[in-house]
């Protein structure tokens, strides 16, 4: 049985439905990692002799934990913004074109979010 290809509109809807939450995830993950990493390096790093990379890794751990707790909120905001996946069958979801649009949405979203999440760097002392 031949599976009907999703329409271009449905593929764009899939792209946007993935892109928006990943923008939110990238902002929170990168932004918090920078903020936490800097704070850890400034305070605990000097106190405990923690290296810059150790502080960065610890900041990443904390931002990932925050991401787990904030993930539901980011997804809820994305849904309120209209980022809903199209109503596709399982067969349509498994098509290469659909999976590609989904992955491109995630990739573009995380890229935009991580770039925005670098904003705390603008306010840090050099």
N, C-alpha and C. Protein backbone atom coordinates (compact mmCIF):
# COMPACT_ATOMS: atom_id res chain seq x y z
N UNK A 1 0.84 -1.19 0.00
CA UNK A 1 0.00 0.00 0.00
C UNK A 1 0.89 1.24 0.00
N UNK A 2 0.57 2.17 -0.86
CA UNK A 2 1.34 3.41 -0.97
C UNK A 2 0.85 4.42 0.07
N UNK A 3 1.80 5.01 0.76
CA UNK A 3 1.48 5.99 1.80
C UNK A 3 1.40 7.37 1.15
N UNK A 4 0.34 8.10 1.46
CA UNK A 4 0.17 9.43 0.90
C UNK A 4 1.16 10.40 1.55
N UNK A 5 1.91 11.10 0.72
CA UNK A 5 2.89 12.09 1.20
C UNK A 5 2.15 13.24 1.87
N UNK A 6 2.64 13.69 3.05
CA UNK A 6 2.02 14.87 3.68
C UNK A 6 2.13 16.08 2.75
N UNK A 7 1.18 16.97 2.87
CA UNK A 7 1.21 18.19 2.04
C UNK A 7 2.37 19.08 2.50
N UNK A 8 2.72 20.03 1.65
CA UNK A 8 3.77 20.98 2.02
C UNK A 8 3.38 21.76 3.27
N UNK A 9 2.11 22.06 3.40
CA UNK A 9 1.63 22.77 4.59
C UNK A 9 1.83 21.92 5.85
N UNK A 10 1.51 20.62 5.76
CA UNK A 10 1.70 19.72 6.90
C UNK A 10 3.19 19.57 7.23
N UNK A 11 4.03 19.52 6.22
CA UNK A 11 5.47 19.41 6.47
C UNK A 11 6.00 20.68 7.13
N UNK A 12 5.51 21.83 6.70
CA UNK A 12 5.92 23.09 7.34
C UNK A 12 5.40 23.14 8.77
N UNK A 13 4.21 22.64 8.99
CA UNK A 13 3.65 22.60 10.34
C UNK A 13 4.50 21.69 11.23
N UNK A 14 4.98 20.58 10.70
CA UNK A 14 5.86 19.68 11.44
C UNK A 14 7.17 20.40 11.78
N UNK A 15 7.74 21.10 10.81
CA UNK A 15 8.97 21.86 11.01
C UNK A 15 8.79 22.87 12.15
N UNK A 16 7.75 23.67 12.08
CA UNK A 16 7.50 24.72 13.07
C UNK A 16 7.20 24.11 14.44
N UNK A 17 6.45 23.01 14.45
CA UNK A 17 6.10 22.36 15.72
C UNK A 17 7.35 21.86 16.45
N UNK A 18 8.38 21.53 15.72
CA UNK A 18 9.64 21.10 16.34
C UNK A 18 10.55 22.29 16.63
N UNK A 19 10.55 23.26 15.74
CA UNK A 19 11.46 24.40 15.84
C UNK A 19 11.20 25.24 17.10
N UNK A 20 9.95 25.60 17.34
CA UNK A 20 9.63 26.51 18.45
C UNK A 20 10.05 25.96 19.81
N UNK A 21 9.71 24.72 20.16
CA UNK A 21 10.17 24.25 21.48
C UNK A 21 11.69 24.14 21.58
N UNK A 22 12.34 23.82 20.48
CA UNK A 22 13.80 23.71 20.53
C UNK A 22 14.47 25.07 20.64
N UNK A 23 13.82 26.13 20.16
CA UNK A 23 14.33 27.48 20.42
C UNK A 23 14.31 27.73 21.92
N UNK A 24 13.19 27.43 22.54
CA UNK A 24 13.07 27.60 24.00
C UNK A 24 14.08 26.77 24.75
N UNK A 25 14.27 25.52 24.32
CA UNK A 25 15.24 24.66 24.99
C UNK A 25 16.66 25.21 24.84
N UNK A 26 17.00 25.67 23.63
CA UNK A 26 18.34 26.21 23.40
C UNK A 26 18.62 27.45 24.24
N UNK A 27 17.62 28.31 24.34
CA UNK A 27 17.78 29.53 25.15
C UNK A 27 18.03 29.16 26.61
N UNK A 28 17.18 28.30 27.15
CA UNK A 28 17.33 27.96 28.57
C UNK A 28 18.60 27.16 28.81
N UNK A 29 18.90 26.21 27.96
CA UNK A 29 20.07 25.36 28.18
C UNK A 29 21.36 26.15 28.08
N UNK A 30 21.54 26.88 27.00
CA UNK A 30 22.79 27.63 26.82
C UNK A 30 22.89 28.79 27.80
N UNK A 31 21.79 29.51 27.97
CA UNK A 31 21.81 30.66 28.88
C UNK A 31 22.12 30.25 30.31
N UNK A 32 21.43 29.22 30.78
CA UNK A 32 21.67 28.78 32.16
C UNK A 32 23.06 28.16 32.32
N UNK A 33 23.53 27.44 31.29
CA UNK A 33 24.87 26.86 31.37
C UNK A 33 25.92 27.96 31.55
N UNK A 34 25.78 29.03 30.80
CA UNK A 34 26.74 30.14 30.90
C UNK A 34 26.65 30.80 32.27
N UNK A 35 25.44 31.08 32.71
CA UNK A 35 25.25 31.73 34.02
C UNK A 35 25.75 30.84 35.15
N UNK A 36 25.32 29.58 35.16
CA UNK A 36 25.75 28.65 36.21
C UNK A 36 27.26 28.43 36.16
N UNK A 37 27.80 28.21 34.96
CA UNK A 37 29.24 27.95 34.82
C UNK A 37 30.07 29.10 35.33
N UNK A 38 29.65 30.32 35.00
CA UNK A 38 30.38 31.51 35.46
C UNK A 38 30.32 31.63 36.98
N UNK A 39 29.13 31.44 37.54
CA UNK A 39 28.98 31.54 38.99
C UNK A 39 29.80 30.47 39.70
N UNK A 40 29.77 29.26 39.18
CA UNK A 40 30.54 28.17 39.78
C UNK A 40 32.03 28.46 39.71
N UNK A 41 32.47 28.95 38.55
CA UNK A 41 33.90 29.26 38.40
C UNK A 41 34.32 30.37 39.36
N UNK A 42 33.51 31.40 39.47
CA UNK A 42 33.85 32.54 40.33
C UNK A 42 33.87 32.19 41.81
N UNK A 43 32.93 31.38 42.24
CA UNK A 43 32.81 31.10 43.66
C UNK A 43 33.40 29.75 44.06
N UNK A 44 32.86 28.68 43.54
CA UNK A 44 33.35 27.36 43.92
C UNK A 44 34.70 27.04 43.29
N UNK A 45 34.92 27.54 42.08
CA UNK A 45 36.18 27.26 41.40
C UNK A 45 37.37 27.74 42.19
N UNK A 46 37.28 28.94 42.68
CA UNK A 46 38.39 29.50 43.46
C UNK A 46 38.48 28.84 44.83
N UNK A 47 37.34 28.57 45.42
CA UNK A 47 37.30 27.98 46.75
C UNK A 47 37.81 26.53 46.74
N UNK A 48 37.41 25.78 45.73
CA UNK A 48 37.73 24.36 45.69
C UNK A 48 38.80 24.00 44.65
N UNK A 49 39.33 25.00 43.94
CA UNK A 49 40.33 24.72 42.93
C UNK A 49 39.77 24.03 41.70
N UNK A 50 38.51 24.30 41.39
CA UNK A 50 37.86 23.69 40.23
C UNK A 50 38.32 24.40 38.96
N UNK A 51 38.69 23.65 37.94
CA UNK A 51 39.15 24.24 36.68
C UNK A 51 37.99 24.89 35.93
N UNK A 52 38.33 25.69 34.93
CA UNK A 52 37.32 26.32 34.09
C UNK A 52 36.45 25.26 33.41
N UNK A 53 37.07 24.21 32.91
CA UNK A 53 36.30 23.14 32.26
C UNK A 53 35.44 22.39 33.27
N UNK A 54 35.93 22.22 34.48
CA UNK A 54 35.14 21.59 35.53
C UNK A 54 33.92 22.44 35.87
N UNK A 55 34.11 23.75 35.93
CA UNK A 55 33.00 24.66 36.20
C UNK A 55 32.00 24.64 35.05
N UNK A 56 32.52 24.60 33.81
CA UNK A 56 31.64 24.54 32.64
C UNK A 56 30.83 23.24 32.64
N UNK A 57 31.48 22.14 32.96
CA UNK A 57 30.79 20.85 33.00
C UNK A 57 29.71 20.84 34.09
N UNK A 58 30.02 21.42 35.23
CA UNK A 58 29.05 21.48 36.32
C UNK A 58 27.89 22.40 35.93
N UNK A 59 28.20 23.53 35.27
CA UNK A 59 27.16 24.43 34.78
C UNK A 59 26.26 23.74 33.77
N UNK A 60 26.87 22.91 32.92
CA UNK A 60 26.10 22.15 31.93
C UNK A 60 25.17 21.16 32.63
N UNK A 61 25.69 20.49 33.64
CA UNK A 61 24.87 19.54 34.41
C UNK A 61 23.65 20.25 35.00
N UNK A 62 23.89 21.39 35.62
CA UNK A 62 22.78 22.12 36.26
C UNK A 62 21.78 22.64 35.22
N UNK A 63 22.28 23.11 34.08
CA UNK A 63 21.34 23.61 33.06
C UNK A 63 20.54 22.46 32.45
N UNK A 64 21.16 21.29 32.32
CA UNK A 64 20.41 20.12 31.83
C UNK A 64 19.33 19.70 32.82
N UNK A 65 19.65 19.74 34.10
CA UNK A 65 18.64 19.42 35.12
C UNK A 65 17.50 20.43 35.07
N UNK A 66 17.84 21.71 34.95
CA UNK A 66 16.80 22.75 34.84
C UNK A 66 15.97 22.51 33.58
N UNK A 67 16.62 22.09 32.49
CA UNK A 67 15.91 21.80 31.25
C UNK A 67 14.88 20.71 31.41
N UNK A 68 15.19 19.71 32.22
CA UNK A 68 14.23 18.64 32.47
C UNK A 68 12.99 19.21 33.15
N UNK A 69 13.20 20.07 34.14
CA UNK A 69 12.07 20.64 34.87
C UNK A 69 11.32 21.69 34.05
N UNK A 70 12.03 22.40 33.17
CA UNK A 70 11.40 23.45 32.38
C UNK A 70 10.83 22.93 31.06
N UNK A 71 11.19 21.71 30.68
CA UNK A 71 10.77 21.15 29.40
C UNK A 71 9.27 21.19 29.19
N UNK A 72 8.52 20.82 30.19
CA UNK A 72 7.07 20.84 30.08
C UNK A 72 6.53 22.24 29.88
N UNK A 73 7.15 23.20 30.56
CA UNK A 73 6.72 24.60 30.41
C UNK A 73 7.03 25.13 29.01
N UNK A 74 8.22 24.80 28.51
CA UNK A 74 8.60 25.23 27.16
C UNK A 74 7.63 24.64 26.14
N UNK A 75 7.30 23.37 26.31
CA UNK A 75 6.37 22.72 25.39
C UNK A 75 4.98 23.34 25.50
N UNK A 76 4.54 23.69 26.70
CA UNK A 76 3.22 24.31 26.88
C UNK A 76 3.17 25.68 26.20
N UNK A 77 4.24 26.46 26.34
CA UNK A 77 4.31 27.77 25.68
C UNK A 77 4.29 27.59 24.17
N UNK A 78 5.04 26.62 23.67
CA UNK A 78 5.07 26.36 22.23
C UNK A 78 3.67 25.99 21.73
N UNK A 79 2.96 25.19 22.49
CA UNK A 79 1.59 24.81 22.10
C UNK A 79 0.68 26.02 22.06
N UNK A 80 0.82 26.91 23.05
CA UNK A 80 0.01 28.14 23.06
C UNK A 80 0.33 29.03 21.88
N UNK A 81 1.57 28.95 21.38
CA UNK A 81 1.96 29.73 20.22
C UNK A 81 1.51 29.08 18.91
N UNK A 82 0.86 27.94 19.02
CA UNK A 82 0.33 27.27 17.85
C UNK A 82 1.25 26.24 17.24
N UNK A 83 2.25 25.81 17.97
CA UNK A 83 3.22 24.84 17.46
C UNK A 83 2.70 23.43 17.68
N UNK A 84 1.68 23.07 16.92
CA UNK A 84 1.11 21.73 17.04
C UNK A 84 1.48 20.91 15.80
N UNK A 85 1.84 19.67 16.04
CA UNK A 85 2.17 18.80 14.91
C UNK A 85 0.91 18.52 14.10
N UNK A 86 1.07 18.31 12.80
CA UNK A 86 -0.09 17.98 11.98
C UNK A 86 -0.62 16.59 12.33
N UNK A 87 -1.85 16.35 12.00
CA UNK A 87 -2.48 15.06 12.27
C UNK A 87 -2.11 14.09 11.15
N UNK A 88 -1.01 13.37 11.34
CA UNK A 88 -0.51 12.43 10.34
C UNK A 88 -0.66 11.00 10.85
N UNK A 89 -0.75 10.09 9.91
CA UNK A 89 -0.78 8.68 10.29
C UNK A 89 0.63 8.24 10.68
N UNK A 90 0.73 7.10 11.34
CA UNK A 90 2.06 6.56 11.70
C UNK A 90 2.90 6.32 10.47
N UNK A 91 2.26 5.88 9.40
CA UNK A 91 2.98 5.64 8.15
C UNK A 91 3.53 6.94 7.57
N UNK A 92 2.72 8.01 7.61
CA UNK A 92 3.19 9.31 7.12
C UNK A 92 4.33 9.85 7.99
N UNK A 93 4.24 9.63 9.29
CA UNK A 93 5.30 10.10 10.20
C UNK A 93 6.62 9.37 9.95
N UNK A 94 6.53 8.15 9.42
CA UNK A 94 7.75 7.38 9.19
C UNK A 94 8.39 7.66 7.84
N UNK A 95 7.73 8.46 7.00
CA UNK A 95 8.31 8.81 5.70
C UNK A 95 9.58 9.64 5.90
N UNK A 96 10.55 9.45 5.01
CA UNK A 96 11.81 10.18 5.09
C UNK A 96 11.58 11.69 5.07
N UNK A 97 10.68 12.17 4.22
CA UNK A 97 10.43 13.61 4.11
C UNK A 97 9.90 14.18 5.42
N UNK A 98 9.05 13.43 6.10
CA UNK A 98 8.49 13.89 7.37
C UNK A 98 9.56 13.90 8.45
N UNK A 99 10.33 12.83 8.54
CA UNK A 99 11.40 12.77 9.54
C UNK A 99 12.45 13.85 9.29
N UNK A 100 12.73 14.13 8.01
CA UNK A 100 13.69 15.17 7.66
C UNK A 100 13.19 16.55 8.10
N UNK A 101 11.92 16.84 7.85
CA UNK A 101 11.34 18.13 8.27
C UNK A 101 11.37 18.27 9.79
N UNK A 102 11.10 17.17 10.47
CA UNK A 102 11.13 17.19 11.93
C UNK A 102 12.54 17.48 12.43
N UNK A 103 13.53 16.78 11.88
CA UNK A 103 14.92 16.97 12.32
C UNK A 103 15.44 18.35 11.94
N UNK A 104 15.05 18.85 10.77
CA UNK A 104 15.47 20.21 10.39
C UNK A 104 14.87 21.25 11.34
N UNK A 105 13.61 21.06 11.71
CA UNK A 105 12.99 21.97 12.68
C UNK A 105 13.73 21.96 14.00
N UNK A 106 14.09 20.78 14.48
CA UNK A 106 14.83 20.66 15.73
C UNK A 106 16.20 21.33 15.61
N UNK A 107 16.87 21.10 14.48
CA UNK A 107 18.21 21.65 14.28
C UNK A 107 18.19 23.17 14.17
N UNK A 108 17.28 23.69 13.38
CA UNK A 108 17.17 25.15 13.25
C UNK A 108 16.76 25.76 14.59
N UNK A 109 15.82 25.13 15.28
CA UNK A 109 15.37 25.66 16.57
C UNK A 109 16.47 25.69 17.61
N UNK A 110 17.21 24.60 17.75
CA UNK A 110 18.27 24.57 18.77
C UNK A 110 19.39 25.54 18.41
N UNK A 111 19.65 25.72 17.12
CA UNK A 111 20.68 26.67 16.69
C UNK A 111 20.28 28.10 17.06
N UNK A 112 19.06 28.48 16.72
CA UNK A 112 18.57 29.83 17.05
C UNK A 112 18.55 30.01 18.57
N UNK A 113 18.03 29.01 19.28
CA UNK A 113 17.93 29.11 20.74
C UNK A 113 19.29 29.23 21.40
N UNK A 114 20.26 28.44 20.96
CA UNK A 114 21.59 28.49 21.57
C UNK A 114 22.28 29.82 21.29
N UNK A 115 22.06 30.37 20.09
CA UNK A 115 22.65 31.69 19.79
C UNK A 115 22.03 32.74 20.70
N UNK A 116 20.71 32.74 20.84
CA UNK A 116 20.05 33.69 21.75
C UNK A 116 20.50 33.43 23.18
N UNK A 117 20.67 32.15 23.54
CA UNK A 117 21.10 31.79 24.89
C UNK A 117 22.50 32.26 25.24
N UNK A 118 23.27 32.69 24.25
CA UNK A 118 24.61 33.24 24.52
C UNK A 118 24.56 34.69 25.00
N UNK A 119 23.39 35.27 25.07
CA UNK A 119 23.24 36.68 25.48
C UNK A 119 23.94 37.00 26.81
N UNK A 120 23.95 36.10 27.82
CA UNK A 120 24.64 36.45 29.05
C UNK A 120 26.13 36.79 28.85
N UNK A 121 26.72 36.30 27.77
CA UNK A 121 28.13 36.62 27.50
C UNK A 121 28.33 38.11 27.28
N UNK A 122 27.29 38.79 26.80
CA UNK A 122 27.40 40.22 26.54
C UNK A 122 27.53 41.03 27.83
N UNK A 123 27.12 40.45 28.94
CA UNK A 123 27.10 41.18 30.22
C UNK A 123 28.17 40.73 31.18
N UNK A 124 29.02 39.82 30.77
CA UNK A 124 30.07 39.32 31.67
C UNK A 124 31.33 40.14 31.51
N UNK A 125 32.02 40.30 32.63
CA UNK A 125 33.29 41.02 32.59
C UNK A 125 34.31 40.18 31.85
N UNK A 126 35.18 40.87 31.13
CA UNK A 126 36.19 40.17 30.34
C UNK A 126 37.48 40.05 31.10
